[in-house]
PDB file of N, CA and C in Angstrom:
ATOM      1  N   ALA A   1      55.310  94.566 108.236  1.00  0.00           N
ATOM      2  CA  ALA A   1      56.585  94.660 107.535  1.00  0.00           C
ATOM      3  C   ALA A   1      56.930  93.299 106.956  1.00  0.00           C
ATOM      4  N   SER A   2      57.526  93.324 105.800  1.00  0.00           N
ATOM      5  CA  SER A   2      57.858  92.066 105.147  1.00  0.00           C
ATOM      6  C   SER A   2      59.110  91.462 105.772  1.00  0.00           C
ATOM      7  N   PRO A   3      59.231  90.129 105.675  1.00  0.00           N
ATOM      8  CA  PRO A   3      60.425  89.468 106.208  1.00  0.00           C
ATOM      9  C   PRO A   3      61.711  89.965 105.537  1.00  0.00           C
ATOM     10  N   ILE A   4      61.615  90.315 104.265  1.00  0.00           N
ATOM     11  CA  ILE A   4      62.802  90.811 103.550  1.00  0.00           C
ATOM     12  C   ILE A   4      63.239  92.158 104.111  1.00  0.00           C
ATOM     13  N   ALA A   5      62.281  93.030 104.365  1.00  0.00           N
ATOM     14  CA  ALA A   5      62.609  94.352 104.924  1.00  0.00           C
ATOM     15  C   ALA A   5      63.190  94.216 106.320  1.00  0.00           C
ATOM     16  N   LEU A   6      62.642  93.310 107.131  1.00  0.00           N
ATOM     17  CA  LEU A   6      63.166  93.092 108.483  1.00  0.00           C
ATOM     18  C   LEU A   6      64.590  92.546 108.436  1.00  0.00           C
ATOM     19  N   ALA A   7      64.832  91.624 107.530  1.00  0.00           N
ATOM     20  CA  ALA A   7      66.184  91.058 107.394  1.00  0.00           C
ATOM     21  C   ALA A   7      67.170  92.137 106.954  1.00  0.00           C
ATOM     22  N   ALA A   8      66.747  92.988 106.031  1.00  0.00           N
ATOM     23  CA  ALA A   8      67.620  94.068 105.565  1.00  0.00           C
ATOM     24  C   ALA A   8      67.901  95.058 106.697  1.00  0.00           C
ATOM     25  N   ALA A   9      66.897  95.369 107.490  1.00  0.00           N
ATOM     26  CA  ALA A   9      67.084  96.292 108.617  1.00  0.00           C
ATOM     27  C   ALA A   9      68.023  95.683 109.655  1.00  0.00           C
ATOM     28  N   ALA A  10      67.843  94.401 109.942  1.00  0.00           N
ATOM     29  CA  ALA A  10      68.708  93.717 110.916  1.00  0.00           C
ATOM     30  C   ALA A  10      70.151  93.701 110.426  1.00  0.00           C
ATOM     31  N   ARG A  11      70.349  93.455 109.154  1.00  0.00           N
ATOM     32  CA  ARG A  11      71.706  93.443 108.581  1.00  0.00           C
ATOM     33  C   ARG A  11      72.324  94.839 108.672  1.00  0.00           C
ATOM     34  N   SER A  12      71.539  95.856 108.399  1.00  0.00           N
ATOM     35  CA  SER A  12      72.029  97.228 108.464  1.00  0.00           C
ATOM     36  C   SER A  12      72.478  97.586 109.881  1.00  0.00           C
ATOM     37  N   VAL A  13      71.686  97.186 110.870  1.00  0.00           N
ATOM     38  CA  VAL A  13      72.045  97.451 112.270  1.00  0.00           C
ATOM     39  C   VAL A  13      73.328  96.708 112.632  1.00  0.00           C
ATOM     40  N   ALA A  14      73.441  95.458 112.209  1.00  0.00           N
ATOM     41  CA  ALA A  14      74.642  94.666 112.508  1.00  0.00           C
ATOM     42  C   ALA A  14      75.883  95.299 111.886  1.00  0.00           C
ATOM     43  N   LEU A  15      75.770  95.765 110.648  1.00  0.00           N
ATOM     44  CA  LEU A  15      76.904  96.404 109.984  1.00  0.00           C
ATOM     45  C   LEU A  15      77.282  97.712 110.673  1.00  0.00           C
ATOM     46  N   SER A  16      76.295  98.485 111.108  1.00  0.00           N
ATOM     47  CA  SER A  16      76.567  99.733 111.821  1.00  0.00           C
ATOM     48  C   SER A  16      77.278  99.468 113.136  1.00  0.00           C
ATOM     49  N   THR A  17      76.849  98.430 113.841  1.00  0.00           N
ATOM     50  CA  THR A  17      77.484  98.066 115.110  1.00  0.00           C
ATOM     51  C   THR A  17      78.920  97.635 114.886  1.00  0.00           C
ATOM     52  N   ASP A  18      79.159  96.790 113.890  1.00  0.00           N
ATOM     53  CA  ASP A  18      80.519  96.360 113.563  1.00  0.00           C
ATOM     54  C   ASP A  18      81.395  97.549 113.200  1.00  0.00           C
ATOM     55  N   SER A  19      80.850  98.483 112.450  1.00  0.00           N
ATOM     56  CA  SER A  19      81.597  99.668 112.036  1.00  0.00           C
ATOM     57  C   SER A  19      81.951 100.531 113.244  1.00  0.00           C
ATOM     58  N   ALA A  20      81.031 100.684 114.179  1.00  0.00           N
ATOM     59  CA  ALA A  20      81.291 101.483 115.383  1.00  0.00           C
ATOM     60  C   ALA A  20      82.359 100.824 116.249  1.00  0.00           C
ATOM     61  N   ILE A  21      82.318  99.513 116.365  1.00  0.00           N
ATOM     62  CA  ILE A  21      83.323  98.789 117.149  1.00  0.00           C
ATOM     63  C   ILE A  21      84.688  98.929 116.495  1.00  0.00           C
ATOM     64  N   GLU A  22      84.745  98.780 115.188  1.00  0.00           N
ATOM     65  CA  GLU A  22      86.018  98.930 114.452  1.00  0.00           C
ATOM     66  C   GLU A  22      86.569 100.345 114.630  1.00  0.00           C
ATOM     67  N   HIS A  23      85.707 101.338 114.545  1.00  0.00           N
ATOM     68  CA  HIS A  23      86.151 102.726 114.719  1.00  0.00           C
ATOM     69  C   HIS A  23      86.726 102.935 116.124  1.00  0.00           C
ATOM     70  N   LYS A  24      86.039 102.429 117.138  1.00  0.00           N
ATOM     71  CA  LYS A  24      86.530 102.551 118.520  1.00  0.00           C
ATOM     72  C   LYS A  24      87.886 101.885 118.664  1.00  0.00           C
ATOM     73  N   GLN A  25      88.037 100.686 118.100  1.00  0.00           N
ATOM     74  CA  GLN A  25      89.313  99.975 118.184  1.00  0.00           C
ATOM     75  C   GLN A  25      90.426 100.762 117.502  1.00  0.00           C
ATOM     76  N   ARG A  26      90.138 101.358 116.355  1.00  0.00           N
ATOM     77  CA  ARG A  26      91.155 102.128 115.637  1.00  0.00           C
ATOM     78  C   ARG A  26      91.571 103.382 116.421  1.00  0.00           C
ATOM     79  N   VAL A  27      90.607 104.039 117.061  1.00  0.00           N
ATOM     80  CA  VAL A  27      90.932 105.218 117.877  1.00  0.00           C
ATOM     81  C   VAL A  27      91.813 104.810 119.063  1.00  0.00           C
ATOM     82  N   LEU A  28      91.423 103.745 119.758  1.00  0.00           N
ATOM     83  CA  LEU A  28      92.203 103.284 120.900  1.00  0.00           C
ATOM     84  C   LEU A  28      93.579 102.782 120.469  1.00  0.00           C
ATOM     85  N   ALA A  29      93.648 102.112 119.320  1.00  0.00           N
ATOM     86  CA  ALA A  29      94.935 101.639 118.803  1.00  0.00           C
ATOM     87  C   ALA A  29      95.849 102.826 118.487  1.00  0.00           C
ATOM     88  N   GLY A  30      95.260 103.929 118.031  1.00  0.00           N
ATOM     89  CA  GLY A  30      96.046 105.143 117.794  1.00  0.00           C
ATOM     90  C   GLY A  30      96.660 105.670 119.077  1.00  0.00           C
ATOM     91  N   LEU A  31      95.925 105.589 120.172  1.00  0.00           N
ATOM     92  CA  LEU A  31      96.471 106.008 121.464  1.00  0.00           C
ATOM     93  C   LEU A  31      97.630 105.112 121.888  1.00  0.00           C
ATOM     94  N   VAL A  32      97.490 103.813 121.649  1.00  0.00           N
ATOM     95  CA  VAL A  32      98.574 102.873 121.970  1.00  0.00           C
ATOM     96  C   VAL A  32      99.825 103.236 121.178  1.00  0.00           C
ATOM     97  N   ALA A  33      99.667 103.474 119.875  1.00  0.00           N
ATOM     98  CA  ALA A  33     100.807 103.812 119.020  1.00  0.00           C
ATOM     99  C   ALA A  33     101.459 105.114 119.483  1.00  0.00           C
ATOM    100  N   GLU A  34     100.641 106.116 119.782  1.00  0.00           N
ATOM    101  CA  GLU A  34     101.184 107.397 120.241  1.00  0.00           C
ATOM    102  C   GLU A  34     101.883 107.245 121.586  1.00  0.00           C
ATOM    103  N   ASN A  35     101.369 106.393 122.468  1.00  0.00           N
ATOM    104  CA  ASN A  35     102.028 106.139 123.756  1.00  0.00           C
ATOM    105  C   ASN A  35     103.406 105.527 123.566  1.00  0.00           C
ATOM    106  N   ARG A  36     103.514 104.566 122.655  1.00  0.00           N
ATOM    107  CA  ARG A  36     104.801 103.889 122.436  1.00  0.00           C
ATOM    108  C   ARG A  36     105.836 104.896 121.928  1.00  0.00           C
ATOM    109  N   LEU A  37     105.468 105.677 120.918  1.00  0.00           N
ATOM    110  CA  LEU A  37     106.405 106.647 120.354  1.00  0.00           C
ATOM    111  C   LEU A  37     106.673 107.766 121.362  1.00  0.00           C
ATOM    112  N   GLY A  38     105.634 108.212 122.045  1.00  0.00           N
ATOM    113  CA  GLY A  38     105.788 109.271 123.034  1.00  0.00           C
ATOM    114  C   GLY A  38     106.712 108.880 124.167  1.00  0.00           C
ATOM    115  N   GLU A  39     106.669 107.624 124.562  1.00  0.00           N
ATOM    116  CA  GLU A  39     107.567 107.152 125.621  1.00  0.00           C
ATOM    117  C   GLU A  39     109.026 107.245 125.179  1.00  0.00           C
ATOM    118  N   LEU A  40     109.300 106.860 123.951  1.00  0.00           N
ATOM    119  CA  LEU A  40     110.677 106.952 123.439  1.00  0.00           C
ATOM    120  C   LEU A  40     111.151 108.405 123.396  1.00  0.00           C
ATOM    121  N   VAL A  41     110.278 109.290 122.955  1.00  0.00           N
ATOM    122  CA  VAL A  41     110.629 110.710 122.870  1.00  0.00           C
ATOM    123  C   VAL A  41     110.846 111.285 124.271  1.00  0.00           C
ATOM    124  N   ALA A  42     109.948 110.971 125.203  1.00  0.00           N
ATOM    125  CA  ALA A  42     110.033 111.517 126.555  1.00  0.00           C
ATOM    126  C   ALA A  42     111.293 111.042 127.277  1.00  0.00           C
ATOM    127  N   ARG A  43     111.683 109.792 127.043  1.00  0.00           N
ATOM    128  CA  ARG A  43     112.885 109.265 127.691  1.00  0.00           C
ATOM    129  C   ARG A  43     114.160 109.672 126.961  1.00  0.00           C
ATOM    130  N   ARG A  44     113.987 110.345 125.822  1.00  0.00           N
ATOM    131  CA  ARG A  44     115.117 110.679 124.953  1.00  0.00           C
ATOM    132  C   ARG A  44     115.933 109.417 124.632  1.00  0.00           C
ATOM    133  N   ALA A  45     115.188 108.365 124.374  1.00  0.00           N
ATOM    134  CA  ALA A  45     115.787 107.059 124.118  1.00  0.00           C
ATOM    135  C   ALA A  45     116.455 107.028 122.750  1.00  0.00           C
ATOM    136  N   TRP A  46     117.496 106.258 122.658  1.00  0.00           N
ATOM    137  CA  TRP A  46     118.154 105.978 121.383  1.00  0.00           C
ATOM    138  C   TRP A  46     118.143 104.456 121.230  1.00  0.00           C
ATOM    139  N   PRO A  47     117.005 103.920 120.785  1.00  0.00           N
ATOM    140  CA  PRO A  47     116.874 102.460 120.739  1.00  0.00           C
ATOM    141  C   PRO A  47     117.735 101.852 119.643  1.00  0.00           C
ATOM    142  N   GLY A  48     118.144 100.628 119.893  1.00  0.00           N
ATOM    143  CA  GLY A  48     118.886  99.892 118.885  1.00  0.00           C
ATOM    144  C   GLY A  48     117.972  99.489 117.739  1.00  0.00           C
ATOM    145  N   VAL A  49     118.583  99.252 116.598  1.00  0.00           N
ATOM    146  CA  VAL A  49     117.823  98.792 115.435  1.00  0.00           C
ATOM    147  C   VAL A  49     117.265  97.410 115.748  1.00  0.00           C
ATOM    148  N   GLY A  50     115.997  97.207 115.433  1.00  0.00           N
ATOM    149  CA  GLY A  50     115.369  95.914 115.677  1.00  0.00           C
ATOM    150  C   GLY A  50     113.904  96.056 116.003  1.00  0.00           C
ATOM    151  N   VAL A  51     113.330  94.969 116.491  1.00  0.00           N
ATOM    152  CA  VAL A  51     111.896  94.912 116.757  1.00  0.00           C
ATOM    153  C   VAL A  51     111.655  94.576 118.224  1.00  0.00           C
ATOM    154  N   THR A  52     110.720  95.295 118.837  1.00  0.00           N
ATOM    155  CA  THR A  52     110.235  94.945 120.164  1.00  0.00           C
ATOM    156  C   THR A  52     108.719  94.817 120.076  1.00  0.00           C
ATOM    157  N   GLU A  53     108.179  93.990 120.948  1.00  0.00           N
ATOM    158  CA  GLU A  53     106.739  93.742 120.927  1.00  0.00           C
ATOM    159  C   GLU A  53     106.189  93.748 122.344  1.00  0.00           C
ATOM    160  N   GLY A  54     104.917  94.005 122.444  1.00  0.00           N
ATOM    161  CA  GLY A  54     104.269  93.967 123.741  1.00  0.00           C
ATOM    162  C   GLY A  54     102.779  94.119 123.603  1.00  0.00           C
ATOM    163  N   THR A  55     102.121  94.269 124.734  1.00  0.00           N
ATOM    164  CA  THR A  55     100.686  94.499 124.750  1.00  0.00           C
ATOM    165  C   THR A  55     100.405  95.712 125.633  1.00  0.00           C
ATOM    166  N   GLU A  56      99.302  96.348 125.368  1.00  0.00           N
ATOM    167  CA  GLU A  56      98.868  97.489 126.167  1.00  0.00           C
ATOM    168  C   GLU A  56      97.353  97.482 126.205  1.00  0.00           C
ATOM    169  N   ARG A  57      96.813  97.890 127.335  1.00  0.00           N
ATOM    170  CA  ARG A  57      95.365  97.969 127.516  1.00  0.00           C
ATOM    171  C   ARG A  57      94.941  99.431 127.473  1.00  0.00           C
ATOM    172  N   GLN A  58      93.932  99.703 126.665  1.00  0.00           N
ATOM    173  CA  GLN A  58      93.339 101.036 126.571  1.00  0.00           C
ATOM    174  C   GLN A  58      91.835 100.878 126.724  1.00  0.00           C
ATOM    175  N   ALA A  59      91.245 101.596 127.680  1.00  0.00           N
ATOM    176  CA  ALA A  59      89.789 101.581 127.894  1.00  0.00           C
ATOM    177  C   ALA A  59      89.237 100.159 127.995  1.00  0.00           C
ATOM    178  N   GLY A  60      90.002  99.299 128.678  1.00  0.00           N
ATOM    179  CA  GLY A  60      89.545  97.926 128.880  1.00  0.00           C
ATOM    180  C   GLY A  60      89.743  97.002 127.702  1.00  0.00           C
ATOM    181  N   VAL A  61      90.405  97.465 126.646  1.00  0.00           N
ATOM    182  CA  VAL A  61      90.636  96.652 125.446  1.00  0.00           C
ATOM    183  C   VAL A  61      92.142  96.395 125.321  1.00  0.00           C
ATOM    184  N   ASP A  62      92.510  95.132 125.110  1.00  0.00           N
ATOM    185  CA  ASP A  62      93.915  94.776 124.938  1.00  0.00           C
ATOM    186  C   ASP A  62      94.324  94.881 123.479  1.00  0.00           C
ATOM    187  N   PHE A  63      95.526  95.415 123.280  1.00  0.00           N
ATOM    188  CA  PHE A  63      96.096  95.550 121.940  1.00  0.00           C
ATOM    189  C   PHE A  63      97.510  94.988 121.935  1.00  0.00           C
ATOM    190  N   ARG A  64      97.913  94.483 120.797  1.00  0.00           N
ATOM    191  CA  ARG A  64      99.283  94.016 120.590  1.00  0.00           C
ATOM    192  C   ARG A  64      99.997  95.103 119.792  1.00  0.00           C
ATOM    193  N   TRP A  65     101.217  95.460 120.219  1.00  0.00           N
ATOM    194  CA  TRP A  65     101.991  96.445 119.464  1.00  0.00           C
ATOM    195  C   TRP A  65     103.353  95.863 119.106  1.00  0.00           C
ATOM    196  N   ARG A  66     103.871  96.373 118.008  1.00  0.00           N
ATOM    197  CA  ARG A  66     105.214  95.996 117.531  1.00  0.00           C
ATOM    198  C   ARG A  66     105.905  97.281 117.109  1.00  0.00           C
ATOM    199  N   ALA A  67     107.066  97.522 117.685  1.00  0.00           N
ATOM    200  CA  ALA A  67     107.848  98.711 117.338  1.00  0.00           C
ATOM    201  C   ALA A  67     109.083  98.261 116.565  1.00  0.00           C
ATOM    202  N   GLU A  68     109.224  98.796 115.371  1.00  0.00           N
ATOM    203  CA  GLU A  68     110.370  98.461 114.522  1.00  0.00           C
ATOM    204  C   GLU A  68     111.238  99.706 114.377  1.00  0.00           C
ATOM    205  N   VAL A  69     112.481  99.580 114.832  1.00  0.00           N
ATOM    206  CA  VAL A  69     113.432 100.685 114.731  1.00  0.00           C
ATOM    207  C   VAL A  69     114.349 100.399 113.549  1.00  0.00           C
ATOM    208  N   ILE A  70     114.455 101.375 112.646  1.00  0.00           N
ATOM    209  CA  ILE A  70     115.179 101.197 111.392  1.00  0.00           C
ATOM    210  C   ILE A  70     116.242 102.283 111.273  1.00  0.00           C
ATOM    211  N   ALA A  71     117.449 101.884 110.910  1.00  0.00           N
ATOM    212  CA  ALA A  71     118.527 102.852 110.685  1.00  0.00           C
ATOM    213  C   ALA A  71     118.189 103.708 109.468  1.00  0.00           C
ATOM    214  N   THR A  72     118.694 104.923 109.469  1.00  0.00           N
ATOM    215  CA  THR A  72     118.515 105.815 108.321  1.00  0.00           C
ATOM    216  C   THR A  72     119.897 106.178 107.787  1.00  0.00           C
ATOM    217  N   PRO A  73     119.964 106.767 106.601  1.00  0.00           N
ATOM    218  CA  PRO A  73     121.266 107.185 106.071  1.00  0.00           C
ATOM    219  C   PRO A  73     121.964 108.216 106.972  1.00  0.00           C
ATOM    220  N   HIS A  74     121.183 108.968 107.739  1.00  0.00           N
ATOM    221  CA  HIS A  74     121.769 109.953 108.651  1.00  0.00           C
ATOM    222  C   HIS A  74     122.056 109.272 109.992  1.00  0.00           C
ATOM    223  N   PRO A  75     123.299 109.293 110.470  1.00  0.00           N
ATOM    224  CA  PRO A  75     123.642 108.565 111.703  1.00  0.00           C
ATOM    225  C   PRO A  75     122.950 109.098 112.955  1.00  0.00           C
ATOM    226  N   GLY A  76     122.396 110.302 112.906  1.00  0.00           N
ATOM    227  CA  GLY A  76     121.728 110.874 114.064  1.00  0.00           C
ATOM    228  C   GLY A  76     120.221 110.711 114.056  1.00  0.00           C
ATOM    229  N   LEU A  77     119.707 109.927 113.111  1.00  0.00           N
ATOM    230  CA  LEU A  77     118.255 109.737 113.019  1.00  0.00           C
ATOM    231  C   LEU A  77     117.904 108.260 112.950  1.00  0.00           C
ATOM    232  N   ARG A  78     116.815 107.881 113.584  1.00  0.00           N
ATOM    233  CA  ARG A  78     116.274 106.530 113.503  1.00  0.00           C
ATOM    234  C   ARG A  78     114.797 106.627 113.169  1.00  0.00           C
ATOM    235  N   ARG A  79     114.363 105.790 112.251  1.00  0.00           N
ATOM    236  CA  ARG A  79     112.944 105.703 111.883  1.00  0.00           C
ATOM    237  C   ARG A  79     112.300 104.673 112.814  1.00  0.00           C
ATOM    238  N   VAL A  80     111.137 105.011 113.332  1.00  0.00           N
ATOM    239  CA  VAL A  80     110.410 104.097 114.208  1.00  0.00           C
ATOM    240  C   VAL A  80     109.016 103.886 113.627  1.00  0.00           C
ATOM    241  N   GLU A  81     108.662 102.632 113.440  1.00  0.00           N
ATOM    242  CA  GLU A  81     107.319 102.280 112.971  1.00  0.00           C
ATOM    243  C   GLU A  81     106.626 101.504 114.081  1.00  0.00           C
ATOM    244  N   ILE A  82     105.479 102.003 114.496  1.00  0.00           N
ATOM    245  CA  ILE A  82     104.677 101.338 115.517  1.00  0.00           C
ATOM    246  C   ILE A  82     103.456 100.733 114.833  1.00  0.00           C
ATOM    247  N   HIS A  83     103.295  99.441 114.988  1.00  0.00           N
ATOM    248  CA  HIS A  83     102.152  98.715 114.418  1.00  0.00           C
ATOM    249  C   HIS A  83     101.296  98.222 115.571  1.00  0.00           C
ATOM    250  N   VAL A  84     100.006  98.486 115.532  1.00  0.00           N
ATOM    251  CA  VAL A  84      99.095  98.053 116.591  1.00  0.00           C
ATOM    252  C   VAL A  84      98.004  97.189 115.970  1.00  0.00           C
ATOM    253  N   SER A  85      97.779  96.042 116.602  1.00  0.00           N
ATOM    254  CA  SER A  85      96.766  95.115 116.089  1.00  0.00           C
ATOM    255  C   SER A  85      95.910  94.581 117.234  1.00  0.00           C
ATOM    256  N   ASP A  86      94.849  93.926 116.849  1.00  0.00           N
ATOM    257  CA  ASP A  86      93.939  93.281 117.781  1.00  0.00           C
ATOM    258  C   ASP A  86      94.647  92.038 118.331  1.00  0.00           C
ATOM    259  N   THR A  87      94.541  91.792 119.634  1.00  0.00           N
ATOM    260  CA  THR A  87      95.211  90.617 120.201  1.00  0.00           C
ATOM    261  C   THR A  87      94.595  89.315 119.705  1.00  0.00           C
ATOM    262  N   THR A  88      93.323  89.356 119.303  1.00  0.00           N
ATOM    263  CA  THR A  88      92.689  88.127 118.814  1.00  0.00           C
ATOM    264  C   THR A  88      93.038  87.830 117.366  1.00  0.00           C
ATOM    265  N   ASP A  89      93.501  88.846 116.632  1.00  0.00           N
ATOM    266  CA  ASP A  89      93.883  88.657 115.229  1.00  0.00           C
ATOM    267  C   ASP A  89      95.079  89.558 114.912  1.00  0.00           C
ATOM    268  N   PRO A  90      96.302  89.082 115.204  1.00  0.00           N
ATOM    269  CA  PRO A  90      97.494  89.913 114.993  1.00  0.00           C
ATOM    270  C   PRO A  90      97.725  90.334 113.539  1.00  0.00           C
ATOM    271  N   THR A  91      97.057  89.687 112.592  1.00  0.00           N
ATOM    272  CA  THR A  91      97.226  90.076 111.186  1.00  0.00           C
ATOM    273  C   THR A  91      96.362  91.284 110.839  1.00  0.00           C
ATOM    274  N   HIS A  92      95.424  91.643 111.719  1.00  0.00           N
ATOM    275  CA  HIS A  92      94.523  92.771 111.474  1.00  0.00           C
ATOM    276  C   HIS A  92      95.129  94.028 112.104  1.00  0.00           C
ATOM    277  N   GLU A  93      95.893  94.759 111.311  1.00  0.00           N
ATOM    278  CA  GLU A  93      96.526  95.984 111.798  1.00  0.00           C
ATOM    279  C   GLU A  93      95.479  97.086 111.916  1.00  0.00           C
ATOM    280  N   LEU A  94      95.371  97.640 113.111  1.00  0.00           N
ATOM    281  CA  LEU A  94      94.396  98.699 113.361  1.00  0.00           C
ATOM    282  C   LEU A  94      94.997 100.084 113.173  1.00  0.00           C
ATOM    283  N   ARG A  95      96.281 100.225 113.454  1.00  0.00           N
ATOM    284  CA  ARG A  95      96.922 101.540 113.329  1.00  0.00           C
ATOM    285  C   ARG A  95      98.414 101.360 113.106  1.00  0.00           C
ATOM    286  N   ARG A  96      98.971 102.248 112.307  1.00  0.00           N
ATOM    287  CA  ARG A  96     100.420 102.304 112.090  1.00  0.00           C
ATOM    288  C   ARG A  96     100.838 103.752 112.250  1.00  0.00           C
ATOM    289  N   LEU A  97     101.892 103.958 113.035  1.00  0.00           N
ATOM    290  CA  LEU A  97     102.419 105.295 113.261  1.00  0.00           C
ATOM    291  C   LEU A  97     103.906 105.269 112.948  1.00  0.00           C
ATOM    292  N   VAL A  98     104.352 106.224 112.163  1.00  0.00           N
ATOM    293  CA  VAL A  98     105.769 106.306 111.787  1.00  0.00           C
ATOM    294  C   VAL A  98     106.320 107.615 112.332  1.00  0.00           C
ATOM    295  N   GLY A  99     107.470 107.532 112.974  1.00  0.00           N
ATOM    296  CA  GLY A  99     108.117 108.722 113.499  1.00  0.00           C
ATOM    297  C   GLY A  99     109.616 108.632 113.328  1.00  0.00           C
ATOM    298  N   VAL A 100     110.291 109.726 113.639  1.00  0.00           N
ATOM    299  CA  VAL A 100     111.738 109.774 113.537  1.00  0.00           C
ATOM    300  C   VAL A 100     112.284 110.289 114.866  1.00  0.00           C
ATOM    301  N   LEU A 101     113.270 109.554 115.402  1.00  0.00           N
ATOM    302  CA  LEU A 101     113.943 109.967 116.622  1.00  0.00           C
ATOM    303  C   LEU A 101     115.293 110.563 116.255  1.00  0.00           C
ATOM    304  N   SER A 102     115.666 111.630 116.956  1.00  0.00           N
ATOM    305  CA  SER A 102     116.990 112.203 116.706  1.00  0.00           C
ATOM    306  C   SER A 102     117.877 111.944 117.928  1.00  0.00           C
ATOM    307  N   ARG A 103     119.104 111.668 117.658  1.00  0.00           N
ATOM    308  CA  ARG A 103     120.075 111.420 118.717  1.00  0.00           C
ATOM    309  C   ARG A 103     120.630 112.745 119.181  1.00  0.00           C
ATOM    310  N   GLU A 104     120.663 112.902 120.493  1.00  0.00           N
ATOM    311  CA  GLU A 104     121.237 114.126 121.030  1.00  0.00           C
ATOM    312  C   GLU A 104     122.702 113.887 121.331  1.00  0.00           C
ATOM    313  N   PHE A 105     123.549 114.690 120.725  1.00  0.00           N
ATOM    314  CA  PHE A 105     124.996 114.518 120.904  1.00  0.00           C
ATOM    315  C   PHE A 105     125.505 115.407 122.001  1.00  0.00           C
TER     316      PHE A 105
END
């Protein structure tokens, strides 16, 4: 086999591995986002407008999450955006989940 073909094969394997790792991180980050929103729904929470942040571990991988609660024109609804990123690179957003909480009167 030629050195060029071997280099191309090695690069292909490296890219496939990186892609598989990224996919795993995105799936796990989705679980983190769903956990954050699910906790608010389960507690029937009515969070104040603002931002909270934290970390969560899924399958041995640490993730950073940020939950942003935003007022809506309807006084009984709040928009919640959950952003999940890699703890080593907080600018690399792996998953974003948007939901709406309703206030029970």
